[in-house]
Amino acid sequence: QLNADLTAAMQSGEAVQQGTWTVAEGKIVITFDGEAQSFQFVDNTLVSEANPEMVFVKQAAQENTEENGEENGEEDVEETVDE
């Protein structure tokens, strides 16, 4: 399940999409544009250690996809940046 979540996260953003990721010591290290960033899971949220405002929130699966008009699994991960 972790790999599926990470794959969804990788596909959700342009910058991350071009990156590679590895898992070490319970942390996820994502490298893009030659810069490695370390992330950690906190309550279903992927938090950047270097930039705590940069988080990836795992969205709850919506049971009724017909009402909201979204394809199932299309928007599972949302990037939020609070400035």
PDB file of N, CA and C in Angstrom:
ATOM      1  N   GLN A   1       0.839  -1.206   0.000  1.00  0.00           N
ATOM      2  CA  GLN A   1       0.000   0.000   0.000  1.00  0.00           C
ATOM      3  C   GLN A   1       0.874   1.257   0.000  1.00  0.00           C
ATOM      4  N   LEU A   2       1.980   1.211   0.729  1.00  0.00           N
ATOM      5  CA  LEU A   2       2.870   2.371   0.780  1.00  0.00           C
ATOM      6  C   LEU A   2       3.379   2.723  -0.614  1.00  0.00           C
ATOM      7  N   ASN A   3       3.775   1.710  -1.376  1.00  0.00           N
ATOM      8  CA  ASN A   3       4.263   1.961  -2.732  1.00  0.00           C
ATOM      9  C   ASN A   3       3.193   2.576  -3.616  1.00  0.00           C
ATOM     10  N   ALA A   4       1.951   2.120  -3.471  1.00  0.00           N
ATOM     11  CA  ALA A   4       0.855   2.678  -4.259  1.00  0.00           C
ATOM     12  C   ALA A   4       0.630   4.142  -3.899  1.00  0.00           C
ATOM     13  N   ASP A   5       0.698   4.454  -2.604  1.00  0.00           N
ATOM     14  CA  ASP A   5       0.517   5.838  -2.164  1.00  0.00           C
ATOM     15  C   ASP A   5       1.637   6.721  -2.698  1.00  0.00           C
ATOM     16  N   LEU A   6       2.860   6.220  -2.643  1.00  0.00           N
ATOM     17  CA  LEU A   6       3.991   7.006  -3.130  1.00  0.00           C
ATOM     18  C   LEU A   6       3.914   7.204  -4.636  1.00  0.00           C
ATOM     19  N   THR A   7       3.484   6.177  -5.344  1.00  0.00           N
ATOM     20  CA  THR A   7       3.340   6.301  -6.795  1.00  0.00           C
ATOM     21  C   THR A   7       2.308   7.366  -7.129  1.00  0.00           C
ATOM     22  N   ALA A   8       1.205   7.381  -6.391  1.00  0.00           N
ATOM     23  CA  ALA A   8       0.178   8.407  -6.603  1.00  0.00           C
ATOM     24  C   ALA A   8       0.748   9.783  -6.300  1.00  0.00           C
ATOM     25  N   ALA A   9       1.549   9.877  -5.255  1.00  0.00           N
ATOM     26  CA  ALA A   9       2.151  11.159  -4.888  1.00  0.00           C
ATOM     27  C   ALA A   9       3.112  11.622  -5.978  1.00  0.00           C
ATOM     28  N   MET A  10       3.869  10.684  -6.533  1.00  0.00           N
ATOM     29  CA  MET A  10       4.833  11.043  -7.571  1.00  0.00           C
ATOM     30  C   MET A  10       4.126  11.555  -8.825  1.00  0.00           C
ATOM     31  N   GLN A  11       2.953  11.021  -9.120  1.00  0.00           N
ATOM     32  CA  GLN A  11       2.251  11.389 -10.340  1.00  0.00           C
ATOM     33  C   GLN A  11       1.429  12.663 -10.177  1.00  0.00           C
ATOM     34  N   SER A  12       1.353  13.190  -8.963  1.00  0.00           N
ATOM     35  CA  SER A  12       0.444  14.308  -8.732  1.00  0.00           C
ATOM     36  C   SER A  12       1.075  15.660  -9.035  1.00  0.00           C
ATOM     37  N   GLY A  13       2.414  15.738  -9.067  1.00  0.00           N
ATOM     38  CA  GLY A  13       3.050  17.036  -9.254  1.00  0.00           C
ATOM     39  C   GLY A  13       4.122  16.993 -10.321  1.00  0.00           C
ATOM     40  N   GLU A  14       4.254  18.081 -11.065  1.00  0.00           N
ATOM     41  CA  GLU A  14       5.213  18.125 -12.163  1.00  0.00           C
ATOM     42  C   GLU A  14       6.644  17.957 -11.664  1.00  0.00           C
ATOM     43  N   ALA A  15       7.014  18.693 -10.616  1.00  0.00           N
ATOM     44  CA  ALA A  15       8.395  18.654 -10.129  1.00  0.00           C
ATOM     45  C   ALA A  15       8.756  17.269  -9.604  1.00  0.00           C
ATOM     46  N   VAL A  16       7.869  16.707  -8.817  1.00  0.00           N
ATOM     47  CA  VAL A  16       8.139  15.407  -8.221  1.00  0.00           C
ATOM     48  C   VAL A  16       8.094  14.314  -9.278  1.00  0.00           C
ATOM     49  N   GLN A  17       7.300  14.538 -10.307  1.00  0.00           N
ATOM     50  CA  GLN A  17       7.131  13.552 -11.364  1.00  0.00           C
ATOM     51  C   GLN A  17       8.471  13.232 -12.034  1.00  0.00           C
ATOM     52  N   GLN A  18       9.368  14.202 -12.091  1.00  0.00           N
ATOM     53  CA  GLN A  18      10.646  14.018 -12.756  1.00  0.00           C
ATOM     54  C   GLN A  18      11.695  13.448 -11.809  1.00  0.00           C
ATOM     55  N   GLY A  19      11.298  13.155 -10.579  1.00  0.00           N
ATOM     56  CA  GLY A  19      12.258  12.737  -9.571  1.00  0.00           C
ATOM     57  C   GLY A  19      12.315  11.240  -9.366  1.00  0.00           C
ATOM     58  N   THR A  20      13.211  10.854  -8.491  1.00  0.00           N
ATOM     59  CA  THR A  20      13.312   9.473  -8.056  1.00  0.00           C
ATOM     60  C   THR A  20      13.187   9.459  -6.546  1.00  0.00           C
ATOM     61  N   TRP A  21      12.754   8.322  -6.001  1.00  0.00           N
ATOM     62  CA  TRP A  21      12.595   8.272  -4.555  1.00  0.00           C
ATOM     63  C   TRP A  21      13.092   6.949  -4.019  1.00  0.00           C
ATOM     64  N   THR A  22      13.583   7.000  -2.787  1.00  0.00           N
ATOM     65  CA  THR A  22      14.041   5.805  -2.096  1.00  0.00           C
ATOM     66  C   THR A  22      13.512   5.855  -0.674  1.00  0.00           C
ATOM     67  N   VAL A  23      13.408   4.699  -0.054  1.00  0.00           N
ATOM     68  CA  VAL A  23      12.956   4.634   1.331  1.00  0.00           C
ATOM     69  C   VAL A  23      14.116   4.127   2.176  1.00  0.00           C
ATOM     70  N   ALA A  24      14.485   4.898   3.206  1.00  0.00           N
ATOM     71  CA  ALA A  24      15.580   4.505   4.085  1.00  0.00           C
ATOM     72  C   ALA A  24      15.293   4.978   5.501  1.00  0.00           C
ATOM     73  N   GLU A  25      15.466   4.099   6.453  1.00  0.00           N
ATOM     74  CA  GLU A  25      15.298   4.431   7.870  1.00  0.00           C
ATOM     75  C   GLU A  25      13.932   5.043   8.150  1.00  0.00           C
ATOM     76  N   GLY A  26      12.897   4.532   7.495  1.00  0.00           N
ATOM     77  CA  GLY A  26      11.552   5.031   7.745  1.00  0.00           C
ATOM     78  C   GLY A  26      11.266   6.378   7.123  1.00  0.00           C
ATOM     79  N   LYS A  27      12.220   6.900   6.356  1.00  0.00           N
ATOM     80  CA  LYS A  27      12.021   8.184   5.693  1.00  0.00           C
ATOM     81  C   LYS A  27      12.002   7.961   4.193  1.00  0.00           C
ATOM     82  N   ILE A  28      11.348   8.857   3.486  1.00  0.00           N
ATOM     83  CA  ILE A  28      11.316   8.795   2.037  1.00  0.00           C
ATOM     84  C   ILE A  28      12.180   9.934   1.518  1.00  0.00           C
ATOM     85  N   VAL A  29      13.171   9.600   0.712  1.00  0.00           N
ATOM     86  CA  VAL A  29      14.037  10.618   0.141  1.00  0.00           C
ATOM     87  C   VAL A  29      13.674  10.768  -1.329  1.00  0.00           C
ATOM     88  N   ILE A  30      13.201  11.960  -1.693  1.00  0.00           N
ATOM     89  CA  ILE A  30      12.823  12.237  -3.079  1.00  0.00           C
ATOM     90  C   ILE A  30      13.869  13.173  -3.680  1.00  0.00           C
ATOM     91  N   THR A  31      14.433  12.769  -4.811  1.00  0.00           N
ATOM     92  CA  THR A  31      15.451  13.580  -5.464  1.00  0.00           C
ATOM     93  C   THR A  31      14.906  14.101  -6.787  1.00  0.00           C
ATOM     94  N   PHE A  32      14.855  15.422  -6.924  1.00  0.00           N
ATOM     95  CA  PHE A  32      14.480  16.003  -8.212  1.00  0.00           C
ATOM     96  C   PHE A  32      15.265  17.278  -8.422  1.00  0.00           C
ATOM     97  N   ASP A  33      15.593  17.554  -9.676  1.00  0.00           N
ATOM     98  CA  ASP A  33      16.482  18.659 -10.045  1.00  0.00           C
ATOM     99  C   ASP A  33      17.812  18.538  -9.313  1.00  0.00           C
ATOM    100  N   GLY A  34      18.265  17.307  -9.096  1.00  0.00           N
ATOM    101  CA  GLY A  34      19.552  17.088  -8.447  1.00  0.00           C
ATOM    102  C   GLY A  34      19.572  17.385  -6.962  1.00  0.00           C
ATOM    103  N   GLU A  35      18.417  17.669  -6.384  1.00  0.00           N
ATOM    104  CA  GLU A  35      18.348  18.027  -4.969  1.00  0.00           C
ATOM    105  C   GLU A  35      17.525  16.988  -4.219  1.00  0.00           C
ATOM    106  N   ALA A  36      18.145  16.394  -3.202  1.00  0.00           N
ATOM    107  CA  ALA A  36      17.455  15.371  -2.414  1.00  0.00           C
ATOM    108  C   ALA A  36      16.701  16.017  -1.266  1.00  0.00           C
ATOM    109  N   GLN A  37      15.452  15.614  -1.086  1.00  0.00           N
ATOM    110  CA  GLN A  37      14.664  16.099   0.041  1.00  0.00           C
ATOM    111  C   GLN A  37      14.132  14.908   0.810  1.00  0.00           C
ATOM    112  N   SER A  38      14.184  15.020   2.127  1.00  0.00           N
ATOM    113  CA  SER A  38      13.760  13.925   2.986  1.00  0.00           C
ATOM    114  C   SER A  38      12.354  14.190   3.498  1.00  0.00           C
ATOM    115  N   PHE A  39      11.500  13.170   3.424  1.00  0.00           N
ATOM    116  CA  PHE A  39      10.121  13.281   3.889  1.00  0.00           C
ATOM    117  C   PHE A  39       9.843  12.204   4.919  1.00  0.00           C
ATOM    118  N   GLN A  40       8.878  12.462   5.772  1.00  0.00           N
ATOM    119  CA  GLN A  40       8.497  11.504   6.788  1.00  0.00           C
ATOM    120  C   GLN A  40       6.978  11.464   6.883  1.00  0.00           C
ATOM    121  N   PHE A  41       6.419  10.251   7.100  1.00  0.00           N
ATOM    122  CA  PHE A  41       4.977  10.132   7.252  1.00  0.00           C
ATOM    123  C   PHE A  41       4.559  10.520   8.661  1.00  0.00           C
ATOM    124  N   VAL A  42       3.617  11.464   8.778  1.00  0.00           N
ATOM    125  CA  VAL A  42       3.037  11.839  10.062  1.00  0.00           C
ATOM    126  C   VAL A  42       1.522  11.854   9.878  1.00  0.00           C
ATOM    127  N   ASP A  43       0.839  10.895  10.475  1.00  0.00           N
ATOM    128  CA  ASP A  43      -0.628  10.829  10.391  1.00  0.00           C
ATOM    129  C   ASP A  43      -1.131  10.912   8.953  1.00  0.00           C
ATOM    130  N   ASN A  44      -0.664  10.007   8.093  1.00  0.00           N
ATOM    131  CA  ASN A  44      -1.075   9.965   6.679  1.00  0.00           C
ATOM    132  C   ASN A  44      -0.684  11.213   5.903  1.00  0.00           C
ATOM    133  N   THR A  45       0.271  11.981   6.428  1.00  0.00           N
ATOM    134  CA  THR A  45       0.745  13.173   5.737  1.00  0.00           C
ATOM    135  C   THR A  45       2.239  13.034   5.491  1.00  0.00           C
ATOM    136  N   LEU A  46       2.664  13.300   4.279  1.00  0.00           N
ATOM    137  CA  LEU A  46       4.080  13.246   3.938  1.00  0.00           C
ATOM    138  C   LEU A  46       4.658  14.638   4.160  1.00  0.00           C
ATOM    139  N   VAL A  47       5.545  14.765   5.151  1.00  0.00           N
ATOM    140  CA  VAL A  47       6.063  16.072   5.550  1.00  0.00           C
ATOM    141  C   VAL A  47       7.536  16.186   5.168  1.00  0.00           C
ATOM    142  N   SER A  48       7.892  17.309   4.542  1.00  0.00           N
ATOM    143  CA  SER A  48       9.286  17.576   4.210  1.00  0.00           C
ATOM    144  C   SER A  48      10.030  17.992   5.466  1.00  0.00           C
ATOM    145  N   GLU A  49      11.197  17.366   5.709  1.00  0.00           N
ATOM    146  CA  GLU A  49      11.965  17.711   6.903  1.00  0.00           C
ATOM    147  C   GLU A  49      12.623  19.078   6.765  1.00  0.00           C
ATOM    148  N   ALA A  50      13.084  19.410   5.557  1.00  0.00           N
ATOM    149  CA  ALA A  50      13.760  20.685   5.348  1.00  0.00           C
ATOM    150  C   ALA A  50      12.775  21.851   5.289  1.00  0.00           C
ATOM    151  N   ASN A  51      11.561  21.574   4.790  1.00  0.00           N
ATOM    152  CA  ASN A  51      10.565  22.626   4.619  1.00  0.00           C
ATOM    153  C   ASN A  51       9.225  22.109   5.140  1.00  0.00           C
ATOM    154  N   PRO A  52       8.963  22.259   6.456  1.00  0.00           N
ATOM    155  CA  PRO A  52       7.756  21.686   7.067  1.00  0.00           C
ATOM    156  C   PRO A  52       6.451  22.194   6.458  1.00  0.00           C
ATOM    157  N   GLU A  53       6.490  23.326   5.732  1.00  0.00           N
ATOM    158  CA  GLU A  53       5.270  23.817   5.103  1.00  0.00           C
ATOM    159  C   GLU A  53       4.915  22.984   3.873  1.00  0.00           C
ATOM    160  N   MET A  54       5.883  22.244   3.356  1.00  0.00           N
ATOM    161  CA  MET A  54       5.654  21.440   2.156  1.00  0.00           C
ATOM    162  C   MET A  54       5.183  20.060   2.578  1.00  0.00           C
ATOM    163  N   VAL A  55       3.892  19.809   2.417  1.00  0.00           N
ATOM    164  CA  VAL A  55       3.328  18.533   2.842  1.00  0.00           C
ATOM    165  C   VAL A  55       2.483  17.934   1.725  1.00  0.00           C
ATOM    166  N   PHE A  56       2.406  16.625   1.708  1.00  0.00           N
ATOM    167  CA  PHE A  56       1.508  15.910   0.811  1.00  0.00           C
ATOM    168  C   PHE A  56       0.490  15.195   1.682  1.00  0.00           C
ATOM    169  N   VAL A  57      -0.774  15.531   1.510  1.00  0.00           N
ATOM    170  CA  VAL A  57      -1.826  14.970   2.351  1.00  0.00           C
ATOM    171  C   VAL A  57      -2.510  13.836   1.608  1.00  0.00           C
ATOM    172  N   LYS A  58      -2.611  12.689   2.265  1.00  0.00           N
ATOM    173  CA  LYS A  58      -3.322  11.562   1.666  1.00  0.00           C
ATOM    174  C   LYS A  58      -4.810  11.800   1.829  1.00  0.00           C
ATOM    175  N   GLN A  59      -5.510  11.867   0.699  1.00  0.00           N
ATOM    176  CA  GLN A  59      -6.942  12.134   0.732  1.00  0.00           C
ATOM    177  C   GLN A  59      -7.710  10.856   1.036  1.00  0.00           C
ATOM    178  N   ALA A  60      -8.784  10.982   1.773  1.00  0.00           N
ATOM    179  CA  ALA A  60      -9.636   9.829   2.062  1.00  0.00           C
ATOM    180  C   ALA A  60     -10.317   9.378   0.774  1.00  0.00           C
ATOM    181  N   ALA A  61     -10.392   8.100   0.571  1.00  0.00           N
ATOM    182  CA  ALA A  61     -11.056   7.568  -0.622  1.00  0.00           C
ATOM    183  C   ALA A  61     -12.543   7.884  -0.560  1.00  0.00           C
ATOM    184  N   GLN A  62     -13.061   8.396  -1.657  1.00  0.00           N
ATOM    185  CA  GLN A  62     -14.471   8.764  -1.679  1.00  0.00           C
ATOM    186  C   GLN A  62     -15.275   7.597  -2.231  1.00  0.00           C
ATOM    187  N   GLU A  63     -16.276   7.171  -1.465  1.00  0.00           N
ATOM    188  CA  GLU A  63     -17.042   5.993  -1.858  1.00  0.00           C
ATOM    189  C   GLU A  63     -17.965   6.288  -3.033  1.00  0.00           C
ATOM    190  N   ASN A  64     -18.541   7.474  -3.076  1.00  0.00           N
ATOM    191  CA  ASN A  64     -19.504   7.794  -4.119  1.00  0.00           C
ATOM    192  C   ASN A  64     -18.853   8.726  -5.135  1.00  0.00           C
ATOM    193  N   THR A  65     -18.252   8.164  -6.181  1.00  0.00           N
ATOM    194  CA  THR A  65     -17.543   8.990  -7.151  1.00  0.00           C
ATOM    195  C   THR A  65     -18.480   9.575  -8.199  1.00  0.00           C
ATOM    196  N   GLU A  66     -19.695   9.046  -8.310  1.00  0.00           N
ATOM    197  CA  GLU A  66     -20.609   9.551  -9.333  1.00  0.00           C
ATOM    198  C   GLU A  66     -21.136  10.934  -8.982  1.00  0.00           C
ATOM    199  N   GLU A  67     -21.358  11.185  -7.702  1.00  0.00           N
ATOM    200  CA  GLU A  67     -21.936  12.467  -7.313  1.00  0.00           C
ATOM    201  C   GLU A  67     -20.966  13.624  -7.521  1.00  0.00           C
ATOM    202  N   ASN A  68     -19.681  13.412  -7.208  1.00  0.00           N
ATOM    203  CA  ASN A  68     -18.753  14.523  -7.349  1.00  0.00           C
ATOM    204  C   ASN A  68     -18.142  14.604  -8.743  1.00  0.00           C
ATOM    205  N   GLY A  69     -18.418  13.615  -9.590  1.00  0.00           N
ATOM    206  CA  GLY A  69     -18.000  13.684 -10.977  1.00  0.00           C
ATOM    207  C   GLY A  69     -16.528  13.413 -11.205  1.00  0.00           C
ATOM    208  N   GLU A  70     -15.799  12.975 -10.173  1.00  0.00           N
ATOM    209  CA  GLU A  70     -14.377  12.701 -10.349  1.00  0.00           C
ATOM    210  C   GLU A  70     -14.162  11.227 -10.642  1.00  0.00           C
ATOM    211  N   GLU A  71     -13.148  10.953 -11.446  1.00  0.00           N
ATOM    212  CA  GLU A  71     -12.780   9.563 -11.709  1.00  0.00           C
ATOM    213  C   GLU A  71     -12.140   9.000 -10.452  1.00  0.00           C
ATOM    214  N   ASN A  72     -12.384   7.744 -10.192  1.00  0.00           N
ATOM    215  CA  ASN A  72     -11.829   7.121  -8.996  1.00  0.00           C
ATOM    216  C   ASN A  72     -10.309   7.059  -9.091  1.00  0.00           C
ATOM    217  N   GLY A  73      -9.624   7.580  -8.065  1.00  0.00           N
ATOM    218  CA  GLY A  73      -8.173   7.519  -8.017  1.00  0.00           C
ATOM    219  C   GLY A  73      -7.485   8.609  -8.801  1.00  0.00           C
ATOM    220  N   GLU A  74      -8.249   9.535  -9.358  1.00  0.00           N
ATOM    221  CA  GLU A  74      -7.628  10.556 -10.195  1.00  0.00           C
ATOM    222  C   GLU A  74      -6.897  11.600  -9.352  1.00  0.00           C
ATOM    223  N   GLU A  75      -7.470  11.953  -8.225  1.00  0.00           N
ATOM    224  CA  GLU A  75      -6.895  13.011  -7.394  1.00  0.00           C
ATOM    225  C   GLU A  75      -6.771  12.504  -5.961  1.00  0.00           C
ATOM    226  N   ASP A  76      -5.852  11.560  -5.767  1.00  0.00           N
ATOM    227  CA  ASP A  76      -5.699  10.950  -4.445  1.00  0.00           C
ATOM    228  C   ASP A  76      -4.784  11.762  -3.536  1.00  0.00           C
ATOM    229  N   VAL A  77      -3.821  12.455  -4.121  1.00  0.00           N
ATOM    230  CA  VAL A  77      -2.837  13.166  -3.317  1.00  0.00           C
ATOM    231  C   VAL A  77      -2.886  14.642  -3.683  1.00  0.00           C
ATOM    232  N   GLU A  78      -2.913  15.472  -2.677  1.00  0.00           N
ATOM    233  CA  GLU A  78      -3.004  16.910  -2.905  1.00  0.00           C
ATOM    234  C   GLU A  78      -1.804  17.586  -2.263  1.00  0.00           C
ATOM    235  N   GLU A  79      -1.145  18.464  -3.015  1.00  0.00           N
ATOM    236  CA  GLU A  79      -0.002  19.179  -2.465  1.00  0.00           C
ATOM    237  C   GLU A  79      -0.489  20.508  -1.898  1.00  0.00           C
ATOM    238  N   THR A  80      -0.149  20.751  -0.638  1.00  0.00           N
ATOM    239  CA  THR A  80      -0.548  22.005  -0.024  1.00  0.00           C
ATOM    240  C   THR A  80       0.691  22.743   0.450  1.00  0.00           C
ATOM    241  N   VAL A  81       0.766  24.017   0.121  1.00  0.00           N
ATOM    242  CA  VAL A  81       1.882  24.848   0.561  1.00  0.00           C
ATOM    243  C   VAL A  81       1.299  26.056   1.275  1.00  0.00           C
ATOM    244  N   ASP A  82       1.558  26.127   2.569  1.00  0.00           N
ATOM    245  CA  ASP A  82       1.075  27.266   3.345  1.00  0.00           C
ATOM    246  C   ASP A  82       2.191  28.286   3.452  1.00  0.00           C
ATOM    247  N   GLU A  83       1.919  29.495   3.010  1.00  0.00           N
ATOM    248  CA  GLU A  83       2.959  30.524   3.057  1.00  0.00           C
ATOM    249  C   GLU A  83       2.641  31.524   4.144  1.00  0.00           C
TER     250      GLU A  83
END
